[in-house]
Amino acid sequence: MLLLLLAVLLFVQLPEGVDCGPIREAEGALQKDWFSRVVHYMDSNPETLEELMTRDHAVLEGDIVLSSDRNAAENIWPTLEIPYTISWELASRTGDILSAMAMVSEQTCVSFHKRTSETNYLFFKPSKGCASYVGFISGEQPIFVAPQCIVGNIAHEILHALGFHHEHTRTDREQYITVLPHNIMTGMERNFKMQSGQTFDLHYDIGSIMHYGSEFFSANGLPTIISKSDVKDMGQRNKMTATDIEKVRHLYNCGGTKKELKTEISGVKEEEEEDAVLHLVHDVLSELKTIIKGSVSTNKPEEDHTPATAPPPASLQHLDSATRGQNNTS
């Protein structure tokens, strides 16, 4: 559709016989303006291009590839350590793809590693837009990367692959945003339909990396979504918000971020080390006490070993008392 739109915009002709210079100049200026608008749209909203420019597979909401298994969106990956491969055609984008994976892994318990022989893995491959399936589908699971996809766009698609939908489709959205149907491209209205889903009781996040931008699927360059509050980062693709991170932690039962886990492990090690030091100090002190005691015992003055007159036994004392000392038999 976008290619058709582009063709119409670029090659629209004025009625034949119109040769007036000013009109021709105006026509050229109009075509240039439309061309600029289309290029700007493609650069600004690459997550919509897969649906607009391809018929290879069914796509919804611009970048969600539909699976034949309707329950696939409910599936999460069976492992926290997800294998991946990158198409040789995206060799120049390796840094961006790795950065996108790091954006997810550094703040959650989900990690990514190069595939060896695993059956289930992510496969980053070139395409006309940024797109992904939602949730685990098993086998080779593609994530589509177009030239316009920046690191944040790729991270957005990775989160789709982990099982997350767009934030703007939440059923409580009308408290926070207004959708403007009259500005939406014909036939694309379905991409703004509300969907029921798991929210983990987290608040609606207009700044989420999973939220649509204001001009997604705009037919006229005007907003298709406006915020009811003074929010400037709707549709941002620079970072995962705190809510985005919490959603991953909840869905994958993370105990905390890797940094927090590392700190916790470090804390345990420090505690163990402190206990070991205390035991060592205790042993040293005990040894010192033994040494000091032995030293004092060695330096004691010699005792007088001359036998002392021992007191008479109690029985003899009792006899003396009874005989008034007259028990002497000598």
Protein backbone atom coordinates (compact mmCIF):
# COMPACT_ATOMS: atom_id res chain seq x y z
CA MET A 1 0.00 0.00 0.00
CA LEU A 2 2.75 2.42 0.88
CA LEU A 3 4.54 1.73 -2.40
CA LEU A 4 1.28 2.39 -4.24
CA LEU A 5 0.80 5.58 -2.27
CA LEU A 6 4.35 6.59 -3.05
CA ALA A 7 3.82 5.92 -6.74
CA VAL A 8 0.63 7.97 -6.79
CA LEU A 9 2.23 10.82 -4.96
CA LEU A 10 5.37 10.90 -7.11
CA PHE A 11 3.83 10.37 -10.48
CA VAL A 12 0.57 12.26 -10.23
CA GLN A 13 0.12 14.26 -13.42
CA LEU A 14 -1.72 17.46 -14.20
CA PRO A 15 -4.25 17.48 -17.06
CA GLU A 16 -2.73 17.31 -20.54
CA GLY A 17 -2.14 20.56 -22.33
CA VAL A 18 -1.16 22.41 -19.20
CA ASP A 19 2.23 23.76 -20.01
CA CYS A 20 2.26 26.89 -17.92
CA GLY A 21 5.65 27.33 -16.25
CA PRO A 22 4.37 28.40 -12.83
CA ILE A 23 1.95 25.46 -12.74
CA ARG A 24 4.69 23.02 -13.69
CA GLU A 25 6.89 24.50 -10.99
CA ALA A 26 4.07 24.14 -8.47
CA GLU A 27 3.57 20.53 -9.56
CA GLY A 28 7.28 19.81 -9.04
CA ALA A 29 7.21 21.46 -5.64
CA LEU A 30 4.11 19.41 -4.70
CA GLN A 31 5.76 16.17 -5.76
CA LYS A 32 8.90 17.08 -3.82
CA ASP A 33 6.84 17.85 -0.72
CA TRP A 34 4.97 14.53 -0.94
CA PHE A 35 8.21 12.67 -1.52
CA SER A 36 9.75 14.26 1.56
CA ARG A 37 6.70 13.35 3.61
CA VAL A 38 6.79 9.71 2.49
CA VAL A 39 10.53 9.41 3.19
CA HIS A 40 10.03 11.04 6.59
CA TYR A 41 7.21 8.61 7.37
CA MET A 42 9.30 5.60 6.38
CA ASP A 43 12.23 6.75 8.50
CA SER A 44 10.07 7.69 11.48
CA ASN A 45 7.73 4.70 11.55
CA PRO A 46 9.67 1.64 10.33
CA GLU A 47 7.54 -0.66 12.48
CA THR A 48 4.59 -0.05 10.14
CA LEU A 49 6.45 -0.85 6.91
CA GLU A 50 6.29 -4.65 7.09
CA GLU A 51 2.50 -4.53 6.89
CA LEU A 52 2.42 -1.74 4.32
CA MET A 53 5.07 -3.08 1.96
CA THR A 54 4.91 -6.86 2.00
CA ARG A 55 2.43 -9.59 1.18
CA ASP A 56 4.76 -12.46 2.10
CA HIS A 57 2.99 -13.08 5.39
CA ALA A 58 0.00 -11.81 7.39
CA VAL A 59 0.93 -8.83 9.56
CA LEU A 60 -1.07 -6.94 12.17
CA GLU A 61 -0.39 -3.58 13.83
CA GLY A 62 2.46 -2.96 11.44
CA ASP A 63 5.06 -5.28 12.92
CA ILE A 64 3.25 -8.29 14.43
CA VAL A 65 3.58 -11.35 12.22
CA LEU A 66 0.51 -13.52 12.66
CA SER A 67 0.98 -17.18 13.45
CA SER A 68 -1.30 -19.95 12.27
CA ASP A 69 -1.47 -20.90 15.95
CA ARG A 70 -3.69 -18.28 17.52
CA ASN A 71 -2.51 -19.20 21.00
CA ALA A 72 1.14 -18.54 20.15
CA ALA A 73 0.92 -15.08 21.64
CA GLU A 74 0.31 -16.66 25.04
CA ASN A 75 3.50 -18.73 24.92
CA ILE A 76 6.70 -17.66 26.62
CA TRP A 77 10.12 -19.09 25.87
CA PRO A 78 10.86 -22.30 27.79
CA THR A 79 14.30 -20.97 28.74
CA LEU A 80 15.81 -17.77 30.08
CA GLU A 81 18.89 -18.29 27.89
CA ILE A 82 17.70 -17.68 24.34
CA PRO A 83 19.86 -18.70 21.35
CA TYR A 84 20.10 -16.46 18.28
CA THR A 85 21.68 -16.23 14.86
CA ILE A 86 22.14 -13.22 12.60
CA SER A 87 21.84 -13.47 8.82
CA TRP A 88 25.06 -12.75 6.94
CA GLU A 89 23.05 -10.09 5.10
CA LEU A 90 22.81 -8.16 8.36
CA ALA A 91 26.51 -8.38 9.17
CA SER A 92 26.76 -4.57 9.14
CA ARG A 93 23.91 -4.38 11.68
CA THR A 94 25.43 -6.84 14.16
CA GLY A 95 26.37 -4.08 16.60
CA ASP A 96 22.82 -2.69 16.65
CA ILE A 97 21.29 -6.13 17.12
CA LEU A 98 23.66 -6.96 19.99
CA SER A 99 22.90 -3.59 21.60
CA ALA A 100 19.17 -4.28 21.32
CA MET A 101 19.57 -7.66 23.01
CA ALA A 102 21.73 -6.06 25.71
CA MET A 103 18.99 -3.48 26.35
CA VAL A 104 16.77 -6.39 27.39
CA SER A 105 19.27 -8.72 29.05
CA GLU A 106 21.14 -6.16 31.18
CA GLN A 107 17.97 -5.24 33.04
CA THR A 108 16.20 -8.60 33.30
CA CYS A 109 16.98 -12.28 33.88
CA VAL A 110 16.57 -13.10 30.16
CA SER A 111 19.85 -13.52 28.26
CA PHE A 112 20.91 -14.25 24.68
CA HIS A 113 23.74 -16.31 23.27
CA LYS A 114 24.92 -17.45 19.84
CA ARG A 115 23.15 -20.57 18.69
CA THR A 116 25.16 -23.77 18.47
CA SER A 117 22.82 -26.69 17.86
CA GLU A 118 19.64 -25.55 19.63
CA THR A 119 16.36 -26.30 17.86
CA ASN A 120 14.56 -23.17 19.03
CA TYR A 121 16.23 -19.84 18.36
CA LEU A 122 15.76 -16.27 17.14
CA PHE A 123 16.88 -15.55 13.59
CA PHE A 124 17.52 -11.91 12.68
CA LYS A 125 16.93 -11.49 8.96
CA PRO A 126 16.62 -8.55 6.56
CA SER A 127 13.22 -7.26 5.48
CA LYS A 128 11.32 -4.16 4.38
CA GLY A 129 10.26 -3.27 7.91
CA CYS A 130 10.78 -4.12 11.57
CA ALA A 131 8.57 -7.05 12.61
CA SER A 132 8.28 -10.16 14.76
CA TYR A 133 5.94 -12.88 15.92
CA VAL A 134 4.52 -12.42 19.41
CA GLY A 135 5.65 -15.07 21.85
CA PHE A 136 7.47 -18.36 21.39
CA ILE A 137 6.52 -20.30 18.22
CA SER A 138 9.33 -22.94 18.28
CA GLY A 139 11.96 -23.70 15.67
CA GLU A 140 13.64 -20.89 13.73
CA GLN A 141 11.77 -17.77 14.82
CA PRO A 142 12.47 -14.75 12.61
CA ILE A 143 12.85 -11.15 13.71
CA PHE A 144 12.72 -8.89 10.66
CA VAL A 145 15.15 -5.98 10.49
CA ALA A 146 14.92 -3.22 7.87
CA PRO A 147 17.60 -0.59 7.17
CA GLN A 148 15.47 1.98 9.02
CA CYS A 149 15.28 -0.10 12.22
CA ILE A 150 17.37 1.51 14.96
CA VAL A 151 18.46 -0.24 18.18
CA GLY A 152 15.20 0.69 19.94
CA ASN A 153 13.09 -0.68 17.09
CA ILE A 154 14.97 -3.98 17.26
CA ALA A 155 14.56 -4.15 21.05
CA HIS A 156 10.83 -3.51 20.50
CA GLU A 157 10.67 -6.54 18.19
CA ILE A 158 12.64 -8.69 20.65
CA LEU A 159 10.04 -7.86 23.31
CA HIS A 160 7.32 -8.94 20.89
CA ALA A 161 9.21 -12.23 20.47
CA LEU A 162 9.31 -12.63 24.25
CA GLY A 163 5.52 -12.37 24.35
CA PHE A 164 4.55 -8.70 24.65
CA HIS A 165 1.88 -6.79 22.69
CA HIS A 166 1.65 -3.07 21.96
CA GLU A 167 0.84 -0.87 24.94
CA HIS A 168 -1.73 1.23 23.04
CA THR A 169 -4.03 -1.81 22.62
CA ARG A 170 -4.68 -2.11 26.38
CA THR A 171 -8.36 -1.96 27.33
CA ASP A 172 -7.75 0.88 29.81
CA ARG A 173 -6.08 3.15 27.23
CA GLU A 174 -8.97 5.62 26.91
CA GLN A 175 -8.06 7.09 30.28
CA TYR A 176 -4.68 8.10 28.84
CA ILE A 177 -4.86 8.50 25.04
CA THR A 178 -7.32 9.38 22.29
CA VAL A 179 -7.27 7.58 18.94
CA LEU A 180 -8.22 9.73 15.94
CA PRO A 181 -9.79 7.40 13.32
CA HIS A 182 -10.21 10.13 10.65
CA ASN A 183 -6.41 10.43 10.37
CA ILE A 184 -5.75 6.70 10.03
CA MET A 185 -4.94 5.13 6.64
CA THR A 186 -7.92 3.34 5.13
CA GLY A 187 -7.85 -0.33 6.06
CA MET A 188 -5.41 0.19 8.95
CA GLU A 189 -8.03 0.94 11.59
CA ARG A 190 -7.78 -2.62 12.92
CA ASN A 191 -4.27 -1.83 14.19
CA PHE A 192 -5.77 0.45 16.84
CA LYS A 193 -8.26 -2.07 18.19
CA MET A 194 -8.14 -2.69 21.94
CA GLN A 195 -7.12 -6.20 23.03
CA SER A 196 -7.52 -7.92 26.37
CA GLY A 197 -4.32 -9.21 27.87
CA GLN A 198 -2.12 -9.64 30.93
CA THR A 199 -1.00 -6.32 32.47
CA PHE A 200 0.36 -7.66 35.81
CA ASP A 201 -1.58 -4.78 37.42
CA LEU A 202 1.10 -2.38 36.19
CA HIS A 203 0.03 1.13 35.22
CA TYR A 204 -0.54 2.18 31.60
CA ASP A 205 2.78 3.45 30.26
CA ILE A 206 2.56 6.05 27.48
CA GLY A 207 6.36 6.25 27.39
CA SER A 208 6.74 2.47 26.95
CA ILE A 209 9.04 1.26 24.19
CA MET A 210 6.03 -0.88 23.16
CA HIS A 211 3.69 2.12 22.63
CA TYR A 212 2.73 3.47 19.19
CA GLY A 213 4.01 6.87 18.14
CA SER A 214 1.63 9.71 17.37
CA GLU A 215 1.82 9.35 13.57
CA PHE A 216 1.68 5.56 13.16
CA PHE A 217 -0.44 4.78 10.06
CA SER A 218 -1.25 8.43 9.50
CA ALA A 219 -2.90 9.07 6.12
CA ASN A 220 -2.29 12.81 6.17
CA GLY A 221 0.68 13.51 8.42
CA LEU A 222 -1.59 14.39 11.33
CA PRO A 223 -1.66 12.47 14.63
CA THR A 224 -3.50 9.17 14.87
CA ILE A 225 -2.97 9.11 18.67
CA ILE A 226 -2.77 11.98 21.11
CA SER A 227 -2.00 11.82 24.81
CA LYS A 228 -4.42 13.18 27.42
CA SER A 229 -1.49 14.27 29.56
CA ASP A 230 1.60 16.32 28.89
CA VAL A 231 3.80 13.46 27.67
CA LYS A 232 6.64 14.14 25.24
CA ASP A 233 8.09 10.67 24.79
CA MET A 234 5.10 8.72 23.44
CA GLY A 235 6.44 6.22 20.92
CA GLN A 236 10.07 6.64 22.03
CA ARG A 237 12.53 3.94 20.98
CA ASN A 238 15.53 4.95 23.09
CA LYS A 239 15.16 2.78 26.18
CA MET A 240 13.02 0.35 28.11
CA THR A 241 11.03 2.09 30.81
CA ALA A 242 10.79 0.83 34.38
CA THR A 243 7.37 -0.62 33.49
CA ASP A 244 8.78 -2.43 30.44
CA ILE A 245 11.44 -3.98 32.65
CA GLU A 246 8.90 -4.99 35.30
CA LYS A 247 6.75 -6.70 32.67
CA VAL A 248 9.65 -8.90 31.57
CA ARG A 249 10.49 -9.71 35.19
CA HIS A 250 6.90 -10.71 35.89
CA LEU A 251 6.40 -12.78 32.73
CA TYR A 252 9.69 -14.64 33.14
CA ASN A 253 9.64 -14.80 36.95
CA CYS A 254 12.83 -12.84 37.39
CA GLY A 255 14.01 -12.29 40.95
CA GLY A 256 15.68 -9.05 39.93
CA THR A 257 18.05 -7.57 37.41
CA LYS A 258 21.42 -9.17 36.76
CA LYS A 259 23.05 -6.22 38.49
CA GLU A 260 20.87 -6.78 41.57
CA LEU A 261 21.52 -10.52 41.51
CA LYS A 262 25.25 -9.87 41.14
CA THR A 263 25.13 -7.48 44.10
CA GLU A 264 23.20 -10.05 46.14
CA ILE A 265 25.71 -12.79 45.32
CA SER A 266 28.55 -10.40 46.09
CA GLY A 267 26.88 -9.58 49.42
CA VAL A 268 26.66 -13.26 50.31
CA LYS A 269 30.33 -13.74 49.45
CA GLU A 270 31.29 -10.72 51.55
CA GLU A 271 29.30 -12.12 54.47
CA GLU A 272 31.00 -15.50 54.11
CA GLU A 273 34.37 -13.79 53.93
CA GLU A 274 33.58 -11.81 57.11
CA ASP A 275 32.65 -15.02 58.93
CA ALA A 276 35.88 -16.65 57.78
CA VAL A 277 37.90 -13.68 59.03
CA LEU A 278 36.11 -13.76 62.41
CA HIS A 279 36.85 -17.48 62.76
CA LEU A 280 40.47 -16.82 61.85
CA VAL A 281 40.73 -14.01 64.41
CA HIS A 282 39.15 -16.28 67.05
CA ASP A 283 41.64 -19.05 66.28
CA VAL A 284 44.58 -16.63 66.40
CA LEU A 285 43.43 -15.19 69.73
CA SER A 286 43.00 -18.68 71.17
CA GLU A 287 46.48 -19.58 70.00
CA LEU A 288 47.87 -16.39 71.50
CA LYS A 289 46.17 -17.13 74.82
CA THR A 290 47.72 -20.60 74.84
CA ILE A 291 51.15 -19.17 74.07
CA ILE A 292 50.83 -16.45 76.72
CA LYS A 293 49.59 -18.95 79.31
CA GLY A 294 52.51 -21.26 78.55
CA SER A 295 54.91 -18.34 78.78
CA VAL A 296 53.57 -17.29 82.20
CA SER A 297 53.75 -20.86 83.48
CA THR A 298 57.38 -21.19 82.34
CA ASN A 299 58.43 -17.93 84.04
CA LYS A 300 56.87 -18.70 87.46
CA PRO A 301 59.46 -18.67 90.38
CA GLU A 302 60.58 -22.05 91.67
CA GLU A 303 58.41 -23.35 94.45
CA ASP A 304 59.85 -24.56 97.78
CA HIS A 305 59.56 -28.30 97.64
CA THR A 306 60.51 -28.75 101.38
CA PRO A 307 57.81 -30.97 102.84
CA ALA A 308 55.44 -29.04 105.02
CA THR A 309 53.93 -30.43 108.23
CA ALA A 310 50.62 -31.75 107.20
CA PRO A 311 47.67 -31.31 109.56
CA PRO A 312 46.68 -34.48 111.43
CA PRO A 313 43.86 -36.50 110.02
CA ALA A 314 40.37 -35.62 111.24
CA SER A 315 40.10 -38.90 113.18
CA LEU A 316 43.30 -38.13 115.12
CA GLN A 317 42.12 -34.62 115.83
CA HIS A 318 38.92 -36.07 117.24
CA LEU A 319 40.90 -38.49 119.49
CA ASP A 320 43.08 -35.66 120.86
CA SER A 321 39.98 -33.71 121.71
CA ALA A 322 38.49 -36.67 123.58
CA THR A 323 41.63 -37.53 125.61
CA ARG A 324 42.69 -33.94 126.08
CA GLY A 325 45.93 -34.73 124.32
CA GLN A 326 46.66 -37.75 126.43
CA ASN A 327 46.68 -40.18 123.59
CA ASN A 328 50.45 -40.09 123.29
CA THR A 329 51.71 -43.66 123.55
CA SER A 330 55.37 -42.86 123.64
